[in-house]
């Protein structure tokens, strides 16, 4: 598939992808913006504490933070898709000078750290 056909195909697919990603982010933000649940110590049948309310709270906050981090990553993907859709220079081929000028050490980065 040549570059022009790929660009046209992507222009048709990107709005749908953005919409799906945005719904996922919105659902995530809705879920994490709800009030915190009330936690209480979990005890076994003998009355020993298995998990304290504080431990449960920290676990809950960890999951919530991970969900927000994931949503942030998805927002980055949405920005990249919007750039691909609207930036005319996105598909331009640009050679990086550092990649063109590579020394033998850059071709094999492990060479510097290998014992002789």
C-alpha atoms as a PDB file:
ATOM      1  CA  UNK A   1       0.000   0.000   0.000  1.00  0.00           C
ATOM      2  CA  UNK A   2       1.525   3.311  -1.036  1.00  0.00           C
ATOM      3  CA  UNK A   3       1.738   6.335   1.225  1.00  0.00           C
ATOM      4  CA  UNK A   4      -1.203   8.213  -0.346  1.00  0.00           C
ATOM      5  CA  UNK A   5      -3.632   5.307   0.057  1.00  0.00           C
ATOM      6  CA  UNK A   6      -2.467   4.752   3.619  1.00  0.00           C
ATOM      7  CA  UNK A   7      -3.046   8.424   4.432  1.00  0.00           C
ATOM      8  CA  UNK A   8      -6.578   8.309   3.004  1.00  0.00           C
ATOM      9  CA  UNK A   9      -7.364   5.127   4.933  1.00  0.00           C
ATOM     10  CA  UNK A  10      -6.018   6.652   8.151  1.00  0.00           C
ATOM     11  CA  UNK A  11      -8.046   9.858   7.623  1.00  0.00           C
ATOM     12  CA  UNK A  12     -11.191   7.719   7.565  1.00  0.00           C
ATOM     13  CA  UNK A  13     -10.210   5.595  10.597  1.00  0.00           C
ATOM     14  CA  UNK A  14      -8.794   8.274  12.909  1.00  0.00           C
ATOM     15  CA  UNK A  15     -12.066  10.046  13.872  1.00  0.00           C
ATOM     16  CA  UNK A  16     -13.549   6.699  14.964  1.00  0.00           C
ATOM     17  CA  UNK A  17     -10.420   5.866  16.969  1.00  0.00           C
ATOM     18  CA  UNK A  18     -10.411   9.286  18.617  1.00  0.00           C
ATOM     19  CA  UNK A  19     -14.078   8.903  19.551  1.00  0.00           C
ATOM     20  CA  UNK A  20     -13.491   5.468  21.123  1.00  0.00           C
ATOM     21  CA  UNK A  21     -10.382   6.616  23.000  1.00  0.00           C
ATOM     22  CA  UNK A  22     -12.170   9.740  24.244  1.00  0.00           C
ATOM     23  CA  UNK A  23     -15.098   7.655  25.528  1.00  0.00           C
ATOM     24  CA  UNK A  24     -12.635   5.426  27.384  1.00  0.00           C
ATOM     25  CA  UNK A  25     -10.975   8.472  28.970  1.00  0.00           C
ATOM     26  CA  UNK A  26     -14.353   9.994  29.891  1.00  0.00           C
ATOM     27  CA  UNK A  27     -15.490   6.722  31.482  1.00  0.00           C
ATOM     28  CA  UNK A  28     -12.232   6.516  33.437  1.00  0.00           C
ATOM     29  CA  UNK A  29     -12.563  10.087  34.706  1.00  0.00           C
ATOM     30  CA  UNK A  30     -16.200   9.449  35.662  1.00  0.00           C
ATOM     31  CA  UNK A  31     -15.209   6.342  37.605  1.00  0.00           C
ATOM     32  CA  UNK A  32     -12.349   7.948  39.530  1.00  0.00           C
ATOM     33  CA  UNK A  33     -14.260  11.138  40.312  1.00  0.00           C
ATOM     34  CA  UNK A  34     -16.831   9.308  42.413  1.00  0.00           C
ATOM     35  CA  UNK A  35     -16.542   9.724  46.202  1.00  0.00           C
ATOM     36  CA  UNK A  36     -14.250   7.384  48.098  1.00  0.00           C
ATOM     37  CA  UNK A  37     -15.942   4.335  49.568  1.00  0.00           C
ATOM     38  CA  UNK A  38     -15.913   3.788  53.312  1.00  0.00           C
ATOM     39  CA  UNK A  39     -13.375   1.202  54.393  1.00  0.00           C
ATOM     40  CA  UNK A  40     -13.364  -0.837  57.595  1.00  0.00           C
ATOM     41  CA  UNK A  41     -10.978  -3.436  58.954  1.00  0.00           C
ATOM     42  CA  UNK A  42     -11.443  -6.943  57.578  1.00  0.00           C
ATOM     43  CA  UNK A  43     -11.239  -9.590  60.278  1.00  0.00           C
ATOM     44  CA  UNK A  44     -11.194 -13.365  60.204  1.00  0.00           C
ATOM     45  CA  UNK A  45     -13.484 -15.610  62.268  1.00  0.00           C
ATOM     46  CA  UNK A  46     -11.151 -15.329  65.279  1.00  0.00           C
ATOM     47  CA  UNK A  47     -11.281 -11.535  65.233  1.00  0.00           C
ATOM     48  CA  UNK A  48      -7.740 -11.067  63.908  1.00  0.00           C
ATOM     49  CA  UNK A  49      -7.338  -8.217  61.446  1.00  0.00           C
ATOM     50  CA  UNK A  50      -6.579  -9.472  57.939  1.00  0.00           C
ATOM     51  CA  UNK A  51      -6.495  -6.080  56.249  1.00  0.00           C
ATOM     52  CA  UNK A  52      -6.852  -2.678  57.860  1.00  0.00           C
ATOM     53  CA  UNK A  53      -9.014   0.117  56.505  1.00  0.00           C
ATOM     54  CA  UNK A  54      -5.845   2.124  55.845  1.00  0.00           C
ATOM     55  CA  UNK A  55      -4.343  -0.684  53.743  1.00  0.00           C
ATOM     56  CA  UNK A  56      -7.552  -0.919  51.740  1.00  0.00           C
ATOM     57  CA  UNK A  57      -7.546   2.836  51.182  1.00  0.00           C
ATOM     58  CA  UNK A  58      -3.956   2.818  49.899  1.00  0.00           C
ATOM     59  CA  UNK A  59      -4.734  -0.119  47.601  1.00  0.00           C
ATOM     60  CA  UNK A  60      -7.771   1.702  46.266  1.00  0.00           C
ATOM     61  CA  UNK A  61      -5.773   4.892  45.689  1.00  0.00           C
ATOM     62  CA  UNK A  62      -3.062   2.912  43.894  1.00  0.00           C
ATOM     63  CA  UNK A  63      -5.592   1.443  41.477  1.00  0.00           C
ATOM     64  CA  UNK A  64      -7.149   4.866  41.001  1.00  0.00           C
ATOM     65  CA  UNK A  65      -3.755   6.455  40.252  1.00  0.00           C
ATOM     66  CA  UNK A  66      -2.950   3.689  37.766  1.00  0.00           C
ATOM     67  CA  UNK A  67      -6.262   4.330  35.994  1.00  0.00           C
ATOM     68  CA  UNK A  68      -5.476   8.049  35.780  1.00  0.00           C
ATOM     69  CA  UNK A  69      -2.000   7.310  34.419  1.00  0.00           C
ATOM     70  CA  UNK A  70      -3.538   5.038  31.795  1.00  0.00           C
ATOM     71  CA  UNK A  71      -6.067   7.757  30.870  1.00  0.00           C
ATOM     72  CA  UNK A  72      -3.218  10.252  30.565  1.00  0.00           C
ATOM     73  CA  UNK A  73      -1.420   7.906  28.170  1.00  0.00           C
ATOM     74  CA  UNK A  74      -4.587   7.544  26.112  1.00  0.00           C
ATOM     75  CA  UNK A  75      -4.904  11.344  25.936  1.00  0.00           C
ATOM     76  CA  UNK A  76      -1.371  11.431  24.548  1.00  0.00           C
ATOM     77  CA  UNK A  77      -2.408   8.920  21.896  1.00  0.00           C
ATOM     78  CA  UNK A  78      -5.457  11.059  21.053  1.00  0.00           C
ATOM     79  CA  UNK A  79      -3.203  14.110  20.626  1.00  0.00           C
ATOM     80  CA  UNK A  80      -0.916  12.117  18.330  1.00  0.00           C
ATOM     81  CA  UNK A  81      -3.890  10.947  16.239  1.00  0.00           C
ATOM     82  CA  UNK A  82      -5.229  14.509  15.987  1.00  0.00           C
ATOM     83  CA  UNK A  83      -1.795  15.679  14.904  1.00  0.00           C
ATOM     84  CA  UNK A  84      -1.706  12.957  12.252  1.00  0.00           C
ATOM     85  CA  UNK A  85      -5.152  14.025  11.059  1.00  0.00           C
ATOM     86  CA  UNK A  86      -4.596  17.796  10.965  1.00  0.00           C
ATOM     87  CA  UNK A  87      -0.834  18.393  10.613  1.00  0.00           C
ATOM     88  CA  UNK A  88       0.148  18.416   6.924  1.00  0.00           C
ATOM     89  CA  UNK A  89       3.803  17.774   7.799  1.00  0.00           C
ATOM     90  CA  UNK A  90       3.067  14.597   9.796  1.00  0.00           C
ATOM     91  CA  UNK A  91       3.711  12.287   6.850  1.00  0.00           C
ATOM     92  CA  UNK A  92       6.801  14.156   5.605  1.00  0.00           C
ATOM     93  CA  UNK A  93       9.973  12.094   5.735  1.00  0.00           C
ATOM     94  CA  UNK A  94      12.670  13.824   7.755  1.00  0.00           C
ATOM     95  CA  UNK A  95      16.097  12.280   8.111  1.00  0.00           C
ATOM     96  CA  UNK A  96      17.686  12.721  11.467  1.00  0.00           C
ATOM     97  CA  UNK A  97      21.343  13.717  11.063  1.00  0.00           C
ATOM     98  CA  UNK A  98      22.347  11.656  14.085  1.00  0.00           C
ATOM     99  CA  UNK A  99      20.930   8.517  12.469  1.00  0.00           C
ATOM    100  CA  UNK A 100      22.724   9.175   9.186  1.00  0.00           C
ATOM    101  CA  UNK A 101      26.098   9.753  10.869  1.00  0.00           C
ATOM    102  CA  UNK A 102      26.587   6.658  12.955  1.00  0.00           C
ATOM    103  CA  UNK A 103      29.883   5.530  14.327  1.00  0.00           C
ATOM    104  CA  UNK A 104      30.749   1.849  14.807  1.00  0.00           C
ATOM    105  CA  UNK A 105      30.027   2.231  18.544  1.00  0.00           C
ATOM    106  CA  UNK A 106      26.546   3.563  17.770  1.00  0.00           C
ATOM    107  CA  UNK A 107      25.812   0.645  15.448  1.00  0.00           C
ATOM    108  CA  UNK A 108      26.535  -1.788  18.260  1.00  0.00           C
ATOM    109  CA  UNK A 109      25.920  -0.069  21.610  1.00  0.00           C
ATOM    110  CA  UNK A 110      26.882  -3.201  23.546  1.00  0.00           C
ATOM    111  CA  UNK A 111      30.364  -3.048  22.051  1.00  0.00           C
ATOM    112  CA  UNK A 112      31.351  -0.349  24.536  1.00  0.00           C
ATOM    113  CA  UNK A 113      30.372  -2.516  27.492  1.00  0.00           C
ATOM    114  CA  UNK A 114      31.676  -5.889  26.362  1.00  0.00           C
ATOM    115  CA  UNK A 115      34.739  -7.324  28.086  1.00  0.00           C
ATOM    116  CA  UNK A 116      37.686  -8.033  25.825  1.00  0.00           C
END
